[in-house]
C-alpha atoms as a PDB file:
ATOM      1  CA  MET A   1     -39.477 -22.646  55.447  1.00  0.00           C
ATOM      2  CA  GLN A   2     -36.123 -23.129  57.080  1.00  0.00           C
ATOM      3  CA  MET A   3     -36.334 -27.060  56.409  1.00  0.00           C
ATOM      4  CA  ALA A   4     -37.141 -26.314  52.434  1.00  0.00           C
ATOM      5  CA  VAL A   5     -33.936 -24.440  52.210  1.00  0.00           C
ATOM      6  CA  VAL A   6     -31.464 -27.010  54.302  1.00  0.00           C
ATOM      7  CA  GLN A   7     -32.961 -29.854  52.535  1.00  0.00           C
ATOM      8  CA  TRP A   8     -31.904 -27.620  49.115  1.00  0.00           C
ATOM      9  CA  LEU A   9     -28.862 -27.188  50.183  1.00  0.00           C
ATOM     10  CA  ASP A  10     -27.968 -31.213  51.151  1.00  0.00           C
ATOM     11  CA  GLN A  11     -29.647 -31.885  47.655  1.00  0.00           C
ATOM     12  CA  LEU A  12     -27.165 -29.103  45.659  1.00  0.00           C
ATOM     13  CA  GLY A  13     -24.320 -30.647  47.712  1.00  0.00           C
ATOM     14  CA  SER A  14     -24.776 -34.163  46.912  1.00  0.00           C
ATOM     15  CA  THR A  15     -25.637 -33.705  43.403  1.00  0.00           C
ATOM     16  CA  ALA A  16     -22.772 -31.284  42.591  1.00  0.00           C
ATOM     17  CA  PHE A  17     -20.141 -33.819  44.459  1.00  0.00           C
ATOM     18  CA  THR A  18     -22.040 -36.528  42.228  1.00  0.00           C
ATOM     19  CA  PHE A  19     -21.763 -34.804  38.861  1.00  0.00           C
ATOM     20  CA  SER A  20     -17.910 -33.814  39.514  1.00  0.00           C
ATOM     21  CA  ALA A  21     -17.127 -37.470  40.348  1.00  0.00           C
ATOM     22  CA  TRP A  22     -18.463 -38.771  37.306  1.00  0.00           C
ATOM     23  CA  ALA A  23     -17.699 -36.122  35.159  1.00  0.00           C
ATOM     24  CA  PHE A  24     -13.977 -36.779  36.784  1.00  0.00           C
ATOM     25  CA  VAL A  25     -14.102 -40.618  36.370  1.00  0.00           C
ATOM     26  CA  LEU A  26     -15.054 -39.842  32.325  1.00  0.00           C
ATOM     27  CA  LEU A  27     -12.652 -37.213  31.747  1.00  0.00           C
ATOM     28  CA  ASN A  28      -9.755 -39.188  32.784  1.00  0.00           C
ATOM     29  CA  GLY A  29     -11.391 -42.622  31.617  1.00  0.00           C
ATOM     30  CA  TYR A  30     -11.397 -41.015  27.988  1.00  0.00           C
ATOM     31  CA  GLY A  31      -7.714 -39.320  28.522  1.00  0.00           C
ATOM     32  CA  VAL A  32      -6.421 -43.142  29.119  1.00  0.00           C
ATOM     33  CA  ALA A  33      -8.278 -44.947  26.512  1.00  0.00           C
ATOM     34  CA  MET A  34      -6.929 -42.088  23.972  1.00  0.00           C
ATOM     35  CA  VAL A  35      -2.846 -42.795  25.174  1.00  0.00           C
ATOM     36  CA  ALA A  36      -3.635 -46.171  25.192  1.00  0.00           C
ATOM     37  CA  TRP A  37      -5.505 -45.929  21.574  1.00  0.00           C
ATOM     38  CA  ARG A  38      -3.240 -43.459  19.719  1.00  0.00           C
ATOM     39  CA  ARG A  39       0.278 -44.607  21.622  1.00  0.00           C
ATOM     40  CA  ASP A  40       0.992 -40.872  21.039  1.00  0.00           C
ATOM     41  CA  ARG A  41       3.649 -38.923  23.551  1.00  0.00           C
ATOM     42  CA  THR A  42       3.525 -36.044  21.973  1.00  0.00           C
ATOM     43  CA  MET A  43      -1.015 -36.208  22.549  1.00  0.00           C
ATOM     44  CA  VAL A  44       0.005 -36.276  26.278  1.00  0.00           C
ATOM     45  CA  ASN A  45       2.132 -32.938  26.298  1.00  0.00           C
ATOM     46  CA  ARG A  46      -0.053 -31.247  24.087  1.00  0.00           C
ATOM     47  CA  TRP A  47      -3.655 -32.298  26.371  1.00  0.00           C
ATOM     48  CA  THR A  48      -1.553 -32.767  29.973  1.00  0.00           C
ATOM     49  CA  SER A  49      -2.320 -29.102  30.922  1.00  0.00           C
ATOM     50  CA  ARG A  50      -5.863 -29.338  29.755  1.00  0.00           C
ATOM     51  CA  PHE A  51      -6.547 -32.656  31.443  1.00  0.00           C
ATOM     52  CA  LEU A  52      -4.761 -31.077  34.750  1.00  0.00           C
ATOM     53  CA  ALA A  53      -7.353 -28.125  34.619  1.00  0.00           C
ATOM     54  CA  ALA A  54     -10.372 -29.665  34.085  1.00  0.00           C
ATOM     55  CA  ASN A  55      -9.576 -32.031  36.935  1.00  0.00           C
ATOM     56  CA  LEU A  56      -8.771 -29.180  39.343  1.00  0.00           C
ATOM     57  CA  LEU A  57     -12.019 -27.591  37.949  1.00  0.00           C
ATOM     58  CA  LEU A  58     -13.797 -30.575  39.070  1.00  0.00           C
ATOM     59  CA  LEU A  59     -12.163 -31.051  42.216  1.00  0.00           C
ATOM     60  CA  GLY A  60     -12.956 -27.676  43.147  1.00  0.00           C
ATOM     61  CA  VAL A  61     -16.417 -28.185  42.444  1.00  0.00           C
ATOM     62  CA  GLY A  62     -16.630 -31.776  43.988  1.00  0.00           C
ATOM     63  CA  LEU A  63     -15.339 -30.774  47.400  1.00  0.00           C
ATOM     64  CA  GLY A  64     -15.788 -26.682  47.584  1.00  0.00           C
ATOM     65  CA  VAL A  65     -19.779 -26.724  46.663  1.00  0.00           C
ATOM     66  CA  PRO A  66     -20.834 -29.492  49.198  1.00  0.00           C
ATOM     67  CA  THR A  67     -18.175 -27.625  52.341  1.00  0.00           C
ATOM     68  CA  MET A  68     -19.698 -24.254  51.345  1.00  0.00           C
ATOM     69  CA  THR A  69     -23.191 -25.744  51.453  1.00  0.00           C
ATOM     70  CA  LEU A  70     -22.615 -27.735  54.680  1.00  0.00           C
ATOM     71  CA  ALA A  71     -21.180 -24.558  56.020  1.00  0.00           C
ATOM     72  CA  VAL A  72     -24.376 -22.559  55.190  1.00  0.00           C
ATOM     73  CA  ARG A  73     -27.018 -25.344  56.585  1.00  0.00           C
ATOM     74  CA  THR A  74     -24.791 -25.783  59.719  1.00  0.00           C
ATOM     75  CA  ALA A  75     -25.048 -21.671  59.694  1.00  0.00           C
ATOM     76  CA  ILE A  76     -28.867 -21.645  58.957  1.00  0.00           C
ATOM     77  CA  VAL A  77     -29.793 -24.465  61.809  1.00  0.00           C
ATOM     78  CA  THR A  78     -27.280 -22.918  64.311  1.00  0.00           C
ATOM     79  CA  LEU A  79     -28.253 -19.018  63.911  1.00  0.00           C
ATOM     80  CA  ALA A  80     -32.308 -19.552  62.902  1.00  0.00           C
ATOM     81  CA  PRO A  81     -33.707 -20.125  66.457  1.00  0.00           C
ATOM     82  CA  ALA A  82     -31.808 -16.970  67.927  1.00  0.00           C
ATOM     83  CA  MET A  83     -33.259 -14.681  64.571  1.00  0.00           C
ATOM     84  CA  ARG A  84     -36.955 -15.089  65.288  1.00  0.00           C
ATOM     85  CA  ILE A  85     -38.249 -11.797  66.572  1.00  0.00           C
ATOM     86  CA  GLN A  86     -40.577 -11.890  69.622  1.00  0.00           C
ATOM     87  CA  PRO A  87     -42.591  -8.774  70.709  1.00  0.00           C
ATOM     88  CA  ARG A  88     -41.282  -7.196  74.057  1.00  0.00           C
ATOM     89  CA  ALA A  89     -43.497  -7.303  76.752  1.00  0.00           C
ATOM     90  CA  SER A  90     -44.441  -3.809  76.387  1.00  0.00           C
ATOM     91  CA  GLU A  91     -45.507  -4.488  72.604  1.00  0.00           C
ATOM     92  CA  ALA A  92     -47.808  -7.394  73.480  1.00  0.00           C
ATOM     93  CA  PRO A  93     -51.464  -6.982  72.691  1.00  0.00           C
ATOM     94  CA  ALA A  94     -53.279  -7.636  75.603  1.00  0.00           C
ATOM     95  CA  ALA A  95     -54.639 -10.811  76.177  1.00  0.00           C
ATOM     96  CA  THR A  96     -58.818 -10.440  76.086  1.00  0.00           C
ATOM     97  CA  GLY A  97     -60.313 -11.184  79.267  1.00  0.00           C
ATOM     98  CA  SER A  98     -57.353  -9.985  81.532  1.00  0.00           C
ATOM     99  CA  ILE A  99     -57.211  -7.441  84.605  1.00  0.00           C
ATOM    100  CA  ASP A 100     -56.326  -4.671  82.533  1.00  0.00           C
ATOM    101  CA  ALA A 101     -59.110  -5.046  80.189  1.00  0.00           C
ATOM    102  CA  ILE A 102     -61.901  -5.379  82.685  1.00  0.00           C
ATOM    103  CA  LYS A 103     -60.812  -2.201  84.166  1.00  0.00           C
ATOM    104  CA  ARG A 104     -60.977  -0.027  80.978  1.00  0.00           C
END
C-alpha cells in the first residue's frame, strides 16, 4: 500500500510538471506568433497581464505540485516505519506449545 501511494505521488508530480511545461511553451509560442503575425503593439499591452497570470499559474503548478509530492513522499517513506503498530508483550497472544500453555 505504501509503495503504491509513493509511486502514485511520483507519477502525479512528474505529470503535473510535464503538462505545465508543455502548456507554458504552447502559450508563449502562441503569444510570440500572434505578435509577429499582427505586429500590433496595442495587443501586447492588452494581453500582457493575462499572459503573465497564466505563466505564473503554470509556474506555480509546474513547480509547486512536484515539490509538494516530493515532501509528502519523503514524509511517508520516513515516518511509515515508525507508525507501524506492534502489540505489547503483555497483549501478545500466547504461542501454542509454550510453558504457560502446558501449565494450564
